[in-house]
Every structure is written in structure tokens, then in C-alpha cells.
Amino acid sequence: MYELKRRPTAPGEVLREEFLDPLRLTQAQLADKMGVPLQRVNTIITGRRAITAETALLLARVLKTSPEFWMNLQSAIDLWDARQKLKEAF
């Protein structure tokens, strides 16, 4: 298995760079379309909140992607963080 040397790209960074910026969509507009508070979108983009299954479903619906796309991004981060934590323990 190939081990990454750097942390995978965060879902919030992908959201901002691959969706919001090209679509010229603001965080407030996305939050409104998702029906969630602006803070929820902002904390995802800044990397202070993880993507939940509910958020993945909402993002998929609004951005015409799949919920699995968002969950896979989050899972990659979670696994990388866990591996780093376990390395430090031993």
C-alpha cells in the first residue's frame, strides 16, 4: 500500500477551489442553497469542521456530485490523521 507523505487535501479546500471559485458562488449563497447556517459552510472551508453524512448529501444535491465523493475526501483525512497519531504512540 502506498503511504502519503503529506496530509490529503481537505474537503473544504476542494469545495472552495473546485466548486465555489469556478462557479463564482459565495459561502453565503451555498449555505442558502443547502439550507444550513453560513457558519457550517465556513467552518468546513476553513478546516475546522468535518464533512458529515448529512452535509455530504446536501453538498451532492446542490453541486451535482455524489455524497460518496465528499465522504471519501473526509475519510482520507480521517485515516491519515489516525495513522499519524498511531505513529506517534509507538
PDB file of N, CA and C in Angstrom:
ATOM      1  N   MET A   1       0.839  -1.171   0.000  1.00  0.00           N
ATOM      2  CA  MET A   1       0.000   0.000   0.000  1.00  0.00           C
ATOM      3  C   MET A   1       0.888   1.240   0.000  1.00  0.00           C
ATOM      4  N   TYR A   2       0.503   2.219  -0.791  1.00  0.00           N
ATOM      5  CA  TYR A   2       1.241   3.473  -0.889  1.00  0.00           C
ATOM      6  C   TYR A   2       0.858   4.387   0.278  1.00  0.00           C
ATOM      7  N   GLU A   3       1.853   4.917   0.965  1.00  0.00           N
ATOM      8  CA  GLU A   3       1.595   5.808   2.094  1.00  0.00           C
ATOM      9  C   GLU A   3       1.889   7.248   1.686  1.00  0.00           C
ATOM     10  N   LEU A   4       0.923   8.101   1.918  1.00  0.00           N
ATOM     11  CA  LEU A   4       1.097   9.513   1.595  1.00  0.00           C
ATOM     12  C   LEU A   4       2.097  10.171   2.527  1.00  0.00           C
ATOM     13  N   LYS A   5       2.904  11.042   1.978  1.00  0.00           N
ATOM     14  CA  LYS A   5       3.871  11.793   2.774  1.00  0.00           C
ATOM     15  C   LYS A   5       3.272  13.095   3.300  1.00  0.00           C
ATOM     16  N   ARG A   6       2.172  13.489   2.701  1.00  0.00           N
ATOM     17  CA  ARG A   6       1.509  14.711   3.143  1.00  0.00           C
ATOM     18  C   ARG A   6       0.035  14.424   3.400  1.00  0.00           C
ATOM     19  N   ARG A   7      -0.559  15.275   4.188  1.00  0.00           N
ATOM     20  CA  ARG A   7      -1.975  15.125   4.502  1.00  0.00           C
ATOM     21  C   ARG A   7      -2.799  15.305   3.221  1.00  0.00           C
ATOM     22  N   PRO A   8      -3.808  14.468   3.016  1.00  0.00           N
ATOM     23  CA  PRO A   8      -4.658  14.630   1.827  1.00  0.00           C
ATOM     24  C   PRO A   8      -5.331  16.001   1.808  1.00  0.00           C
ATOM     25  N   THR A   9      -5.741  16.402   0.653  1.00  0.00           N
ATOM     26  CA  THR A   9      -6.420  17.686   0.509  1.00  0.00           C
ATOM     27  C   THR A   9      -7.736  17.655   1.271  1.00  0.00           C
ATOM     28  N   ALA A  10      -7.953  18.688   2.051  1.00  0.00           N
ATOM     29  CA  ALA A  10      -9.156  18.768   2.877  1.00  0.00           C
ATOM     30  C   ALA A  10     -10.397  18.999   2.021  1.00  0.00           C
ATOM     31  N   PRO A  11     -11.532  18.439   2.434  1.00  0.00           N
ATOM     32  CA  PRO A  11     -12.768  18.647   1.684  1.00  0.00           C
ATOM     33  C   PRO A  11     -13.115  20.128   1.506  1.00  0.00           C
ATOM     34  N   GLY A  12     -12.841  20.933   2.519  1.00  0.00           N
ATOM     35  CA  GLY A  12     -13.132  22.360   2.423  1.00  0.00           C
ATOM     36  C   GLY A  12     -12.319  23.052   1.352  1.00  0.00           C
ATOM     37  N   GLU A  13     -11.069  22.629   1.203  1.00  0.00           N
ATOM     38  CA  GLU A  13     -10.214  23.200   0.159  1.00  0.00           C
ATOM     39  C   GLU A  13     -10.730  22.806  -1.221  1.00  0.00           C
ATOM     40  N   VAL A  14     -11.139  21.568  -1.370  1.00  0.00           N
ATOM     41  CA  VAL A  14     -11.718  21.101  -2.633  1.00  0.00           C
ATOM     42  C   VAL A  14     -13.005  21.880  -2.919  1.00  0.00           C
ATOM     43  N   LEU A  15     -13.825  22.036  -1.907  1.00  0.00           N
ATOM     44  CA  LEU A  15     -15.076  22.769  -2.059  1.00  0.00           C
ATOM     45  C   LEU A  15     -14.812  24.188  -2.564  1.00  0.00           C
ATOM     46  N   ARG A  16     -13.877  24.860  -1.935  1.00  0.00           N
ATOM     47  CA  ARG A  16     -13.575  26.240  -2.311  1.00  0.00           C
ATOM     48  C   ARG A  16     -12.944  26.326  -3.702  1.00  0.00           C
ATOM     49  N   GLU A  17     -11.889  25.550  -3.932  1.00  0.00           N
ATOM     50  CA  GLU A  17     -11.109  25.697  -5.166  1.00  0.00           C
ATOM     51  C   GLU A  17     -11.750  25.069  -6.400  1.00  0.00           C
ATOM     52  N   GLU A  18     -12.473  23.978  -6.221  1.00  0.00           N
ATOM     53  CA  GLU A  18     -13.032  23.261  -7.366  1.00  0.00           C
ATOM     54  C   GLU A  18     -14.501  23.563  -7.639  1.00  0.00           C
ATOM     55  N   PHE A  19     -15.172  24.166  -6.660  1.00  0.00           N
ATOM     56  CA  PHE A  19     -16.602  24.416  -6.833  1.00  0.00           C
ATOM     57  C   PHE A  19     -16.965  25.886  -6.633  1.00  0.00           C
ATOM     58  N   LEU A  20     -16.723  26.426  -5.461  1.00  0.00           N
ATOM     59  CA  LEU A  20     -17.155  27.792  -5.193  1.00  0.00           C
ATOM     60  C   LEU A  20     -16.494  28.811  -6.120  1.00  0.00           C
ATOM     61  N   ASP A  21     -15.170  28.778  -6.200  1.00  0.00           N
ATOM     62  CA  ASP A  21     -14.462  29.761  -7.024  1.00  0.00           C
ATOM     63  C   ASP A  21     -14.863  29.662  -8.506  1.00  0.00           C
ATOM     64  N   PRO A  22     -14.806  28.483  -9.115  1.00  0.00           N
ATOM     65  CA  PRO A  22     -15.176  28.403 -10.541  1.00  0.00           C
ATOM     66  C   PRO A  22     -16.642  28.776 -10.815  1.00  0.00           C
ATOM     67  N   LEU A  23     -17.518  28.456  -9.867  1.00  0.00           N
ATOM     68  CA  LEU A  23     -18.947  28.767 -10.046  1.00  0.00           C
ATOM     69  C   LEU A  23     -19.287  30.185  -9.607  1.00  0.00           C
ATOM     70  N   ARG A  24     -18.288  30.886  -9.078  1.00  0.00           N
ATOM     71  CA  ARG A  24     -18.497  32.236  -8.534  1.00  0.00           C
ATOM     72  C   ARG A  24     -19.643  32.245  -7.525  1.00  0.00           C
ATOM     73  N   LEU A  25     -19.594  31.253  -6.663  1.00  0.00           N
ATOM     74  CA  LEU A  25     -20.599  31.058  -5.637  1.00  0.00           C
ATOM     75  C   LEU A  25     -19.995  31.441  -4.295  1.00  0.00           C
ATOM     76  N   THR A  26     -20.683  32.280  -3.538  1.00  0.00           N
ATOM     77  CA  THR A  26     -20.170  32.665  -2.227  1.00  0.00           C
ATOM     78  C   THR A  26     -20.549  31.608  -1.195  1.00  0.00           C
ATOM     79  N   GLN A  27     -19.876  31.661  -0.064  1.00  0.00           N
ATOM     80  CA  GLN A  27     -20.214  30.757   1.031  1.00  0.00           C
ATOM     81  C   GLN A  27     -21.662  30.972   1.459  1.00  0.00           C
ATOM     82  N   ALA A  28     -22.090  32.226   1.503  1.00  0.00           N
ATOM     83  CA  ALA A  28     -23.462  32.538   1.910  1.00  0.00           C
ATOM     84  C   ALA A  28     -24.477  31.967   0.918  1.00  0.00           C
ATOM     85  N   GLN A  29     -24.178  32.076  -0.365  1.00  0.00           N
ATOM     86  CA  GLN A  29     -25.084  31.519  -1.376  1.00  0.00           C
ATOM     87  C   GLN A  29     -25.168  30.004  -1.264  1.00  0.00           C
ATOM     88  N   LEU A  30     -24.018  29.349  -1.045  1.00  0.00           N
ATOM     89  CA  LEU A  30     -24.023  27.899  -0.886  1.00  0.00           C
ATOM     90  C   LEU A  30     -24.812  27.496   0.351  1.00  0.00           C
ATOM     91  N   ALA A  31     -24.573  28.178   1.450  1.00  0.00           N
ATOM     92  CA  ALA A  31     -25.303  27.873   2.689  1.00  0.00           C
ATOM     93  C   ALA A  31     -26.806  28.012   2.480  1.00  0.00           C
ATOM     94  N   ASP A  32     -27.206  29.063   1.770  1.00  0.00           N
ATOM     95  CA  ASP A  32     -28.626  29.285   1.494  1.00  0.00           C
ATOM     96  C   ASP A  32     -29.205  28.149   0.657  1.00  0.00           C
ATOM     97  N   LYS A  33     -28.484  27.734  -0.383  1.00  0.00           N
ATOM     98  CA  LYS A  33     -28.951  26.643  -1.248  1.00  0.00           C
ATOM     99  C   LYS A  33     -29.025  25.317  -0.496  1.00  0.00           C
ATOM    100  N   MET A  34     -28.105  25.137   0.473  1.00  0.00           N
ATOM    101  CA  MET A  34     -28.088  23.906   1.267  1.00  0.00           C
ATOM    102  C   MET A  34     -29.112  23.951   2.400  1.00  0.00           C
ATOM    103  N   GLY A  35     -29.541  25.154   2.779  1.00  0.00           N
ATOM    104  CA  GLY A  35     -30.469  25.300   3.894  1.00  0.00           C
ATOM    105  C   GLY A  35     -29.789  25.144   5.244  1.00  0.00           C
ATOM    106  N   VAL A  36     -28.529  25.585   5.316  1.00  0.00           N
ATOM    107  CA  VAL A  36     -27.761  25.482   6.560  1.00  0.00           C
ATOM    108  C   VAL A  36     -27.210  26.858   6.925  1.00  0.00           C
ATOM    109  N   PRO A  37     -26.791  27.045   8.175  1.00  0.00           N
ATOM    110  CA  PRO A  37     -26.190  28.327   8.547  1.00  0.00           C
ATOM    111  C   PRO A  37     -24.862  28.555   7.816  1.00  0.00           C
ATOM    112  N   LEU A  38     -24.563  29.799   7.554  1.00  0.00           N
ATOM    113  CA  LEU A  38     -23.306  30.177   6.905  1.00  0.00           C
ATOM    114  C   LEU A  38     -22.110  29.631   7.678  1.00  0.00           C
ATOM    115  N   GLN A  39     -22.191  29.646   8.994  1.00  0.00           N
ATOM    116  CA  GLN A  39     -21.079  29.167   9.827  1.00  0.00           C
ATOM    117  C   GLN A  39     -20.716  27.718   9.503  1.00  0.00           C
ATOM    118  N   ARG A  40     -21.694  26.912   9.184  1.00  0.00           N
ATOM    119  CA  ARG A  40     -21.434  25.500   8.854  1.00  0.00           C
ATOM    120  C   ARG A  40     -20.559  25.385   7.612  1.00  0.00           C
ATOM    121  N   VAL A  41     -20.882  26.141   6.586  1.00  0.00           N
ATOM    122  CA  VAL A  41     -20.081  26.129   5.363  1.00  0.00           C
ATOM    123  C   VAL A  41     -18.698  26.712   5.631  1.00  0.00           C
ATOM    124  N   ASN A  42     -18.657  27.824   6.348  1.00  0.00           N
ATOM    125  CA  ASN A  42     -17.377  28.483   6.623  1.00  0.00           C
ATOM    126  C   ASN A  42     -16.432  27.596   7.411  1.00  0.00           C
ATOM    127  N   THR A  43     -16.932  26.901   8.416  1.00  0.00           N
ATOM    128  CA  THR A  43     -16.052  26.063   9.225  1.00  0.00           C
ATOM    129  C   THR A  43     -15.564  24.829   8.447  1.00  0.00           C
ATOM    130  N   ILE A  44     -16.324  24.382   7.472  1.00  0.00           N
ATOM    131  CA  ILE A  44     -15.845  23.303   6.588  1.00  0.00           C
ATOM    132  C   ILE A  44     -14.721  23.835   5.716  1.00  0.00           C
ATOM    133  N   ILE A  45     -14.928  24.987   5.129  1.00  0.00           N
ATOM    134  CA  ILE A  45     -13.934  25.567   4.226  1.00  0.00           C
ATOM    135  C   ILE A  45     -12.635  25.890   4.956  1.00  0.00           C
ATOM    136  N   THR A  46     -12.731  26.336   6.198  1.00  0.00           N
ATOM    137  CA  THR A  46     -11.525  26.668   6.960  1.00  0.00           C
ATOM    138  C   THR A  46     -10.901  25.455   7.635  1.00  0.00           C
ATOM    139  N   GLY A  47     -11.507  24.289   7.463  1.00  0.00           N
ATOM    140  CA  GLY A  47     -10.930  23.058   8.005  1.00  0.00           C
ATOM    141  C   GLY A  47     -11.196  22.827   9.476  1.00  0.00           C
ATOM    142  N   ARG A  48     -12.162  23.539  10.035  1.00  0.00           N
ATOM    143  CA  ARG A  48     -12.475  23.371  11.455  1.00  0.00           C
ATOM    144  C   ARG A  48     -13.677  22.466  11.690  1.00  0.00           C
ATOM    145  N   ARG A  49     -14.282  21.981  10.618  1.00  0.00           N
ATOM    146  CA  ARG A  49     -15.425  21.075  10.730  1.00  0.00           C
ATOM    147  C   ARG A  49     -15.288  19.980   9.678  1.00  0.00           C
ATOM    148  N   ALA A  50     -15.611  18.780  10.075  1.00  0.00           N
ATOM    149  CA  ALA A  50     -15.561  17.637   9.161  1.00  0.00           C
ATOM    150  C   ALA A  50     -16.852  17.553   8.353  1.00  0.00           C
ATOM    151  N   ILE A  51     -16.774  16.856   7.248  1.00  0.00           N
ATOM    152  CA  ILE A  51     -17.954  16.583   6.436  1.00  0.00           C
ATOM    153  C   ILE A  51     -18.712  15.428   7.085  1.00  0.00           C
ATOM    154  N   THR A  52     -19.965  15.661   7.398  1.00  0.00           N
ATOM    155  CA  THR A  52     -20.825  14.595   7.933  1.00  0.00           C
ATOM    156  C   THR A  52     -21.608  13.979   6.778  1.00  0.00           C
ATOM    157  N   ALA A  53     -22.265  12.879   7.052  1.00  0.00           N
ATOM    158  CA  ALA A  53     -23.083  12.239   6.016  1.00  0.00           C
ATOM    159  C   ALA A  53     -24.188  13.195   5.553  1.00  0.00           C
ATOM    160  N   GLU A  54     -24.788  13.906   6.483  1.00  0.00           N
ATOM    161  CA  GLU A  54     -25.844  14.861   6.120  1.00  0.00           C
ATOM    162  C   GLU A  54     -25.291  15.964   5.217  1.00  0.00           C
ATOM    163  N   THR A  55     -24.144  16.508   5.593  1.00  0.00           N
ATOM    164  CA  THR A  55     -23.534  17.564   4.790  1.00  0.00           C
ATOM    165  C   THR A  55     -23.158  17.030   3.412  1.00  0.00           C
ATOM    166  N   ALA A  56     -22.654  15.808   3.350  1.00  0.00           N
ATOM    167  CA  ALA A  56     -22.305  15.198   2.065  1.00  0.00           C
ATOM    168  C   ALA A  56     -23.526  15.095   1.158  1.00  0.00           C
ATOM    169  N   LEU A  57     -24.652  14.719   1.721  1.00  0.00           N
ATOM    170  CA  LEU A  57     -25.891  14.624   0.941  1.00  0.00           C
ATOM    171  C   LEU A  57     -26.323  15.996   0.424  1.00  0.00           C
ATOM    172  N   LEU A  58     -26.226  17.001   1.281  1.00  0.00           N
ATOM    173  CA  LEU A  58     -26.619  18.357   0.884  1.00  0.00           C
ATOM    174  C   LEU A  58     -25.682  18.917  -0.185  1.00  0.00           C
ATOM    175  N   LEU A  59     -24.376  18.745   0.000  1.00  0.00           N
ATOM    176  CA  LEU A  59     -23.419  19.223  -0.994  1.00  0.00           C
ATOM    177  C   LEU A  59     -23.636  18.523  -2.334  1.00  0.00           C
ATOM    178  N   ALA A  60     -23.864  17.219  -2.283  1.00  0.00           N
ATOM    179  CA  ALA A  60     -24.077  16.451  -3.508  1.00  0.00           C
ATOM    180  C   ALA A  60     -25.301  16.955  -4.259  1.00  0.00           C
ATOM    181  N   ARG A  61     -26.351  17.236  -3.534  1.00  0.00           N
ATOM    182  CA  ARG A  61     -27.589  17.707  -4.176  1.00  0.00           C
ATOM    183  C   ARG A  61     -27.388  19.077  -4.831  1.00  0.00           C
ATOM    184  N   VAL A  62     -26.747  19.981  -4.109  1.00  0.00           N
ATOM    185  CA  VAL A  62     -26.567  21.352  -4.616  1.00  0.00           C
ATOM    186  C   VAL A  62     -25.527  21.419  -5.725  1.00  0.00           C
ATOM    187  N   LEU A  63     -24.434  20.661  -5.589  1.00  0.00           N
ATOM    188  CA  LEU A  63     -23.316  20.770  -6.523  1.00  0.00           C
ATOM    189  C   LEU A  63     -23.310  19.689  -7.607  1.00  0.00           C
ATOM    190  N   LYS A  64     -24.345  18.864  -7.626  1.00  0.00           N
ATOM    191  CA  LYS A  64     -24.479  17.814  -8.648  1.00  0.00           C
ATOM    192  C   LYS A  64     -23.301  16.836  -8.632  1.00  0.00           C
ATOM    193  N   THR A  65     -22.923  16.432  -7.417  1.00  0.00           N
ATOM    194  CA  THR A  65     -21.881  15.423  -7.246  1.00  0.00           C
ATOM    195  C   THR A  65     -22.534  14.239  -6.534  1.00  0.00           C
ATOM    196  N   SER A  66     -21.713  13.354  -5.991  1.00  0.00           N
ATOM    197  CA  SER A  66     -22.261  12.253  -5.192  1.00  0.00           C
ATOM    198  C   SER A  66     -21.877  12.478  -3.725  1.00  0.00           C
ATOM    199  N   PRO A  67     -22.688  11.972  -2.802  1.00  0.00           N
ATOM    200  CA  PRO A  67     -22.303  12.072  -1.398  1.00  0.00           C
ATOM    201  C   PRO A  67     -21.019  11.292  -1.114  1.00  0.00           C
ATOM    202  N   GLU A  68     -20.808  10.230  -1.874  1.00  0.00           N
ATOM    203  CA  GLU A  68     -19.592   9.425  -1.689  1.00  0.00           C
ATOM    204  C   GLU A  68     -18.329  10.228  -1.994  1.00  0.00           C
ATOM    205  N   PHE A  69     -18.413  11.121  -2.961  1.00  0.00           N
ATOM    206  CA  PHE A  69     -17.274  11.984  -3.275  1.00  0.00           C
ATOM    207  C   PHE A  69     -16.829  12.742  -2.028  1.00  0.00           C
ATOM    208  N   TRP A  70     -17.775  13.369  -1.338  1.00  0.00           N
ATOM    209  CA  TRP A  70     -17.456  14.165  -0.147  1.00  0.00           C
ATOM    210  C   TRP A  70     -17.031  13.284   1.024  1.00  0.00           C
ATOM    211  N   MET A  71     -17.687  12.146   1.187  1.00  0.00           N
ATOM    212  CA  MET A  71     -17.326  11.249   2.287  1.00  0.00           C
ATOM    213  C   MET A  71     -15.941  10.647   2.071  1.00  0.00           C
ATOM    214  N   ASN A  72     -15.592  10.347   0.828  1.00  0.00           N
ATOM    215  CA  ASN A  72     -14.255   9.805   0.536  1.00  0.00           C
ATOM    216  C   ASN A  72     -13.169  10.826   0.845  1.00  0.00           C
ATOM    217  N   LEU A  73     -13.411  12.091   0.523  1.00  0.00           N
ATOM    218  CA  LEU A  73     -12.443  13.130   0.873  1.00  0.00           C
ATOM    219  C   LEU A  73     -12.246  13.187   2.386  1.00  0.00           C
ATOM    220  N   GLN A  74     -13.359  13.143   3.129  1.00  0.00           N
ATOM    221  CA  GLN A  74     -13.268  13.204   4.586  1.00  0.00           C
ATOM    222  C   GLN A  74     -12.611  11.955   5.148  1.00  0.00           C
ATOM    223  N   SER A  75     -12.943  10.813   4.603  1.00  0.00           N
ATOM    224  CA  SER A  75     -12.364   9.553   5.072  1.00  0.00           C
ATOM    225  C   SER A  75     -10.849   9.537   4.884  1.00  0.00           C
ATOM    226  N   ALA A  76     -10.374  10.060   3.772  1.00  0.00           N
ATOM    227  CA  ALA A  76      -8.931  10.107   3.525  1.00  0.00           C
ATOM    228  C   ALA A  76      -8.222  10.941   4.598  1.00  0.00           C
ATOM    229  N   ILE A  77      -8.811  12.051   4.969  1.00  0.00           N
ATOM    230  CA  ILE A  77      -8.247  12.908   6.025  1.00  0.00           C
ATOM    231  C   ILE A  77      -8.268  12.173   7.365  1.00  0.00           C
ATOM    232  N   ASP A  78      -9.402  11.568   7.687  1.00  0.00           N
ATOM    233  CA  ASP A  78      -9.543  10.876   8.972  1.00  0.00           C
ATOM    234  C   ASP A  78      -8.534   9.735   9.109  1.00  0.00           C
ATOM    235  N   LEU A  79      -8.365   8.949   8.045  1.00  0.00           N
ATOM    236  CA  LEU A  79      -7.412   7.833   8.086  1.00  0.00           C
ATOM    237  C   LEU A  79      -5.980   8.337   8.209  1.00  0.00           C
ATOM    238  N   TRP A  80      -5.643   9.387   7.478  1.00  0.00           N
ATOM    239  CA  TRP A  80      -4.291   9.947   7.549  1.00  0.00           C
ATOM    240  C   TRP A  80      -4.001  10.454   8.966  1.00  0.00           C
ATOM    241  N   ASP A  81      -4.957  11.169   9.539  1.00  0.00           N
ATOM    242  CA  ASP A  81      -4.776  11.688  10.900  1.00  0.00           C
ATOM    243  C   ASP A  81      -4.602  10.552  11.902  1.00  0.00           C
ATOM    244  N   ALA A  82      -5.403   9.494  11.760  1.00  0.00           N
ATOM    245  CA  ALA A  82      -5.305   8.354  12.672  1.00  0.00           C
ATOM    246  C   ALA A  82      -3.952   7.656  12.538  1.00  0.00           C
ATOM    247  N   ARG A  83      -3.477   7.506  11.307  1.00  0.00           N
ATOM    248  CA  ARG A  83      -2.162   6.880  11.095  1.00  0.00           C
ATOM    249  C   ARG A  83      -1.057   7.705  11.752  1.00  0.00           C
ATOM    250  N   GLN A  84      -1.141   9.014  11.606  1.00  0.00           N
ATOM    251  CA  GLN A  84      -0.125   9.879  12.204  1.00  0.00           C
ATOM    252  C   GLN A  84      -0.160   9.779  13.728  1.00  0.00           C
ATOM    253  N   LYS A  85      -1.348   9.716  14.278  1.00  0.00           N
ATOM    254  CA  LYS A  85      -1.497   9.615  15.737  1.00  0.00           C
ATOM    255  C   LYS A  85      -0.933   8.292  16.252  1.00  0.00           C
ATOM    256  N   LEU A  86      -1.201   7.214  15.517  1.00  0.00           N
ATOM    257  CA  LEU A  86      -0.685   5.902  15.929  1.00  0.00           C
ATOM    258  C   LEU A  86       0.835   5.830  15.809  1.00  0.00           C
ATOM    259  N   LYS A  87       1.398   6.462  14.814  1.00  0.00           N
ATOM    260  CA  LYS A  87       2.852   6.503  14.655  1.00  0.00           C
ATOM    261  C   LYS A  87       3.505   7.186  15.862  1.00  0.00           C
ATOM    262  N   GLU A  88       2.886   8.243  16.334  1.00  0.00           N
ATOM    263  CA  GLU A  88       3.428   8.979  17.478  1.00  0.00           C
ATOM    264  C   GLU A  88       3.359   8.156  18.763  1.00  0.00           C
ATOM    265  N   ALA A  89       2.369   7.274  18.843  1.00  0.00           N
ATOM    266  CA  ALA A  89       2.176   6.480  20.049  1.00  0.00           C
ATOM    267  C   ALA A  89       3.227   5.371  20.192  1.00  0.00           C
ATOM    268  N   PHE A  90       3.855   4.995  19.072  1.00  0.00           N
ATOM    269  CA  PHE A  90       4.795   3.881  19.107  1.00  0.00           C
ATOM    270  C   PHE A  90       6.204   4.318  18.880  1.00  0.00           C
TER     271      PHE A  90
END
